[in-house]
């Protein structure tokens, strides 16, 4: 009597399956795996959604960059795909397009492409921005020559002039975010200034031209000098 009962239990246990990563595993006994017919489709669907989200983020950032340029030019124009295309070769906009594409390729795990785009910016505009840096919408680069950006993060509506260096105080080939600055929202970095080390630059802060910032700057401040000191609150 025990034999048939045991067989019945085994048959029942065969109906209990665990689906992990597109394979079917039968608990209790020798583990087997087989292709699960719907897992592949679900995975492709998830990847498709992720790709669309990244494309939309790229579009939104470029539109925000272009809208800020229009605002600074005192033009009340809403960005569109057509306006992005017509502005593409503008010397203040094309570097941003290349930078945004490099970041998007890096986040998507595409090999070599981020480095090639970064090198293109260096050759064409004298601008080096690591694709590892997260940059918020509305970035504005009045002039690009000699600027090197290796921050861990830059907030929205940042303005960065020429010959600015933002990065580590020491050689950091592995890109450790803890050794790199974090720039807040609506920050202006004046021409030739240096922002170095694992510090924070608060929102709405202005760093004066040729200043060297080695310590954290609080929100709504004006920092000038070598080394930089707080001159007072930003108006």
Protein backbone atom coordinates (compact mmCIF):
# COMPACT_ATOMS: atom_id res chain seq x y z
CA UNK A 1 0.00 0.00 0.00
CA UNK A 2 2.86 2.34 0.59
CA UNK A 3 4.23 1.98 -2.97
CA UNK A 4 1.17 3.29 -4.91
CA UNK A 5 0.71 6.13 -2.37
CA UNK A 6 4.30 7.18 -2.84
CA UNK A 7 3.79 7.15 -6.63
CA UNK A 8 0.70 9.32 -6.24
CA UNK A 9 2.63 11.85 -4.15
CA UNK A 10 5.43 11.94 -6.71
CA UNK A 11 2.94 12.63 -9.48
CA UNK A 12 1.46 15.44 -7.45
CA UNK A 13 4.87 16.93 -6.83
CA UNK A 14 5.58 16.98 -10.55
CA UNK A 15 2.88 19.63 -10.93
CA UNK A 16 4.75 22.01 -8.59
CA UNK A 17 7.26 23.99 -10.63
CA UNK A 18 9.38 27.03 -10.01
CA UNK A 19 10.10 29.38 -12.89
CA UNK A 20 13.38 31.26 -12.66
CA UNK A 21 15.08 33.15 -15.48
CA UNK A 22 13.09 31.49 -18.25
CA UNK A 23 13.69 27.92 -17.02
CA UNK A 24 11.43 25.45 -15.23
CA UNK A 25 12.79 23.83 -12.07
CA UNK A 26 11.08 20.88 -10.33
CA UNK A 27 11.74 21.04 -6.59
CA UNK A 28 12.50 17.88 -4.63
CA UNK A 29 14.67 15.46 -6.50
CA UNK A 30 16.98 15.89 -9.45
CA UNK A 31 16.75 19.45 -10.74
CA UNK A 32 15.70 19.76 -14.34
CA UNK A 33 15.37 22.82 -16.52
CA UNK A 34 13.49 23.43 -19.71
CA UNK A 35 12.72 26.46 -21.81
CA UNK A 36 9.66 28.29 -20.56
CA UNK A 37 7.75 29.40 -23.67
CA UNK A 38 6.58 32.78 -22.35
CA UNK A 39 9.68 33.92 -20.44
CA UNK A 40 11.61 34.91 -23.56
CA UNK A 41 8.74 37.09 -24.79
CA UNK A 42 8.35 38.71 -21.39
CA UNK A 43 12.08 39.45 -21.24
CA UNK A 44 12.05 41.00 -24.72
CA UNK A 45 9.00 43.06 -23.75
CA UNK A 46 10.78 44.34 -20.64
CA UNK A 47 13.89 45.21 -22.65
CA UNK A 48 11.77 47.01 -25.22
CA UNK A 49 10.17 49.13 -22.50
CA UNK A 50 13.61 49.90 -21.06
CA UNK A 51 14.92 50.93 -24.48
CA UNK A 52 11.93 53.20 -25.08
CA UNK A 53 12.40 54.79 -21.65
CA UNK A 54 16.06 55.55 -22.39
CA UNK A 55 15.22 57.02 -25.79
CA UNK A 56 12.54 59.19 -24.19
CA UNK A 57 15.00 60.34 -21.52
CA UNK A 58 17.52 61.26 -24.21
CA UNK A 59 14.88 63.20 -26.13
CA UNK A 60 13.65 64.98 -22.99
CA UNK A 61 17.18 66.02 -21.95
CA UNK A 62 18.01 67.36 -25.42
CA UNK A 63 14.73 69.27 -25.56
CA UNK A 64 15.46 70.76 -22.13
CA UNK A 65 18.97 71.73 -23.27
CA UNK A 66 17.57 73.39 -26.38
CA UNK A 67 14.77 75.14 -24.48
CA UNK A 68 17.30 76.66 -22.09
CA UNK A 69 19.34 77.97 -25.00
CA UNK A 70 16.22 79.54 -26.46
CA UNK A 71 15.41 81.13 -23.08
CA UNK A 72 18.92 82.57 -22.75
CA UNK A 73 18.54 83.96 -26.27
CA UNK A 74 15.18 85.45 -25.15
CA UNK A 75 13.25 83.39 -27.66
CA UNK A 76 9.90 81.89 -26.68
CA UNK A 77 10.03 78.73 -28.77
CA UNK A 78 9.03 75.25 -27.68
CA UNK A 79 11.54 72.56 -28.73
CA UNK A 80 10.47 69.81 -31.11
CA UNK A 81 12.16 67.04 -33.05
CA UNK A 82 12.30 69.32 -36.11
CA UNK A 83 13.92 72.13 -34.08
CA UNK A 84 16.41 69.66 -32.60
CA UNK A 85 17.39 68.66 -36.14
CA UNK A 86 17.75 72.23 -37.39
CA UNK A 87 19.85 73.19 -34.34
CA UNK A 88 22.01 70.08 -34.55
CA UNK A 89 25.13 71.69 -36.06
CA UNK A 90 25.09 74.73 -33.79
CA UNK A 91 28.46 74.93 -31.94
CA UNK A 92 26.67 75.31 -28.59
CA UNK A 93 24.28 72.43 -29.20
CA UNK A 94 26.15 69.70 -31.08
CA UNK A 95 28.58 69.12 -28.14
CA UNK A 96 25.56 68.47 -25.91
CA UNK A 97 24.08 66.03 -28.43
CA UNK A 98 27.35 64.10 -28.57
CA UNK A 99 27.62 64.12 -24.77
CA UNK A 100 24.03 62.90 -24.32
CA UNK A 101 24.47 60.14 -26.91
CA UNK A 102 27.67 59.02 -25.20
CA UNK A 103 25.88 58.79 -21.85
CA UNK A 104 22.93 56.92 -23.39
CA UNK A 105 25.28 54.41 -25.04
CA UNK A 106 27.13 53.94 -21.75
CA UNK A 107 23.91 53.28 -19.82
CA UNK A 108 22.80 50.82 -22.51
CA UNK A 109 26.04 48.87 -22.20
CA UNK A 110 27.09 49.46 -25.82
CA UNK A 111 30.85 48.85 -26.06
CA UNK A 112 33.30 51.39 -27.56
CA UNK A 113 30.59 53.81 -28.68
CA UNK A 114 30.72 56.00 -25.53
CA UNK A 115 34.49 56.34 -25.82
CA UNK A 116 34.33 57.13 -29.56
CA UNK A 117 31.74 59.87 -28.98
CA UNK A 118 33.77 61.29 -26.11
CA UNK A 119 36.84 61.41 -28.35
CA UNK A 120 34.75 63.12 -31.06
CA UNK A 121 33.89 65.93 -28.61
CA UNK A 122 37.56 66.29 -27.72
CA UNK A 123 38.62 66.56 -31.37
CA UNK A 124 35.80 68.82 -32.56
CA UNK A 125 35.25 71.07 -29.54
CA UNK A 126 38.14 70.58 -27.12
CA UNK A 127 35.60 69.25 -24.61
CA UNK A 128 35.94 66.09 -22.55
CA UNK A 129 32.93 64.84 -20.60
CA UNK A 130 33.04 61.35 -19.15
CA UNK A 131 29.98 59.25 -20.05
CA UNK A 132 29.98 58.07 -16.44
CA UNK A 133 28.79 61.49 -15.27
CA UNK A 134 25.04 61.83 -14.76
CA UNK A 135 23.99 65.24 -16.09
CA UNK A 136 20.57 66.76 -15.52
CA UNK A 137 18.51 68.58 -18.16
CA UNK A 138 19.21 72.14 -19.26
CA UNK A 139 23.02 72.00 -19.47
CA UNK A 140 24.52 75.09 -21.11
CA UNK A 141 28.11 75.39 -22.36
CA UNK A 142 28.68 78.95 -23.68
CA UNK A 143 32.19 77.96 -24.84
CA UNK A 144 33.66 74.47 -24.72
CA UNK A 145 37.40 74.78 -25.32
CA UNK A 146 39.59 73.23 -22.65
CA UNK A 147 36.76 72.03 -20.42
CA UNK A 148 37.13 68.65 -18.70
CA UNK A 149 34.15 67.26 -16.77
CA UNK A 150 34.67 64.20 -14.61
CA UNK A 151 32.06 64.84 -11.92
CA UNK A 152 29.98 62.08 -10.39
CA UNK A 153 26.80 64.07 -11.01
CA UNK A 154 25.69 67.47 -12.34
CA UNK A 155 22.20 68.77 -11.60
CA UNK A 156 19.76 70.55 -13.88
CA UNK A 157 20.33 73.94 -15.55
CA UNK A 158 24.09 74.03 -14.98
CA UNK A 159 26.21 76.61 -16.81
CA UNK A 160 29.85 75.67 -17.40
CA UNK A 161 32.26 78.02 -19.14
CA UNK A 162 35.53 77.31 -20.97
CA UNK A 163 38.69 75.85 -19.42
CA UNK A 164 36.80 74.44 -16.42
CA UNK A 165 38.03 71.27 -14.73
CA UNK A 166 35.68 69.21 -12.57
CA UNK A 167 37.11 65.96 -11.27
CA UNK A 168 39.28 64.08 -8.81
CA UNK A 169 42.17 65.63 -6.88
CA UNK A 170 44.28 62.54 -7.52
CA UNK A 171 44.70 60.18 -10.45
CA UNK A 172 41.53 58.06 -10.54
CA UNK A 173 41.49 55.84 -13.61
CA UNK A 174 38.79 53.61 -12.15
CA UNK A 175 36.31 56.50 -11.68
CA UNK A 176 35.45 56.33 -7.99
CA UNK A 177 32.38 58.61 -7.47
CA UNK A 178 33.46 59.22 -3.86
CA UNK A 179 36.56 61.02 -5.18
CA UNK A 180 34.65 63.25 -7.57
CA UNK A 181 32.52 66.38 -7.14
CA UNK A 182 28.75 66.45 -7.13
CA UNK A 183 27.35 69.62 -8.66
CA UNK A 184 23.87 70.79 -7.65
CA UNK A 185 21.08 72.44 -9.64
CA UNK A 186 21.40 75.86 -11.29
CA UNK A 187 25.15 76.10 -10.63
CA UNK A 188 27.43 78.39 -12.63
CA UNK A 189 31.10 77.46 -13.00
CA UNK A 190 33.12 80.46 -14.22
CA UNK A 191 35.82 80.32 -16.86
CA UNK A 192 38.99 78.53 -15.80
CA UNK A 193 37.74 77.41 -12.39
CA UNK A 194 38.70 74.05 -10.86
CA UNK A 195 36.37 71.95 -8.71
CA UNK A 196 38.28 68.99 -7.31
CA UNK A 197 37.70 66.06 -4.98
CA UNK A 198 34.72 64.35 -3.39
CA UNK A 199 32.90 67.57 -2.52
CA UNK A 200 29.45 69.02 -3.09
CA UNK A 201 28.57 72.30 -4.75
CA UNK A 202 25.16 73.39 -3.47
CA UNK A 203 22.21 74.47 -5.60
CA UNK A 204 22.20 78.01 -7.04
CA UNK A 205 25.91 78.51 -6.38
CA UNK A 206 28.31 80.57 -8.48
CA UNK A 207 32.01 79.70 -8.65
CA UNK A 208 34.08 82.64 -9.87
CA UNK A 209 36.49 82.55 -12.80
CA UNK A 210 39.86 80.87 -12.10
CA UNK A 211 38.81 79.86 -8.59
CA UNK A 212 39.99 76.56 -7.13
CA UNK A 213 37.35 74.80 -5.04
CA UNK A 214 38.60 72.06 -2.73
CA UNK A 215 35.85 72.06 -0.09
CA UNK A 216 32.08 71.72 -0.10
CA UNK A 217 30.19 74.93 -0.93
CA UNK A 218 26.76 75.43 0.59
CA UNK A 219 23.61 76.36 -1.30
CA UNK A 220 23.18 79.85 -2.83
CA UNK A 221 26.78 80.93 -2.34
CA UNK A 222 29.34 82.86 -4.34
CA UNK A 223 32.82 81.29 -4.11
CA UNK A 224 35.98 82.97 -5.41
CA UNK A 225 39.73 82.76 -4.99
CA UNK A 226 42.57 80.27 -4.72
CA UNK A 227 41.66 78.35 -2.69
CA UNK A 228 38.03 79.40 -3.03
CA UNK A 229 36.30 81.10 -0.12
CA UNK A 230 32.68 82.13 0.33
CA UNK A 231 32.28 85.75 -0.75
CA UNK A 232 28.65 85.89 0.34
CA UNK A 233 25.17 84.69 -0.58
CA UNK A 234 24.04 84.68 -4.18
CA UNK A 235 21.44 87.34 -4.95
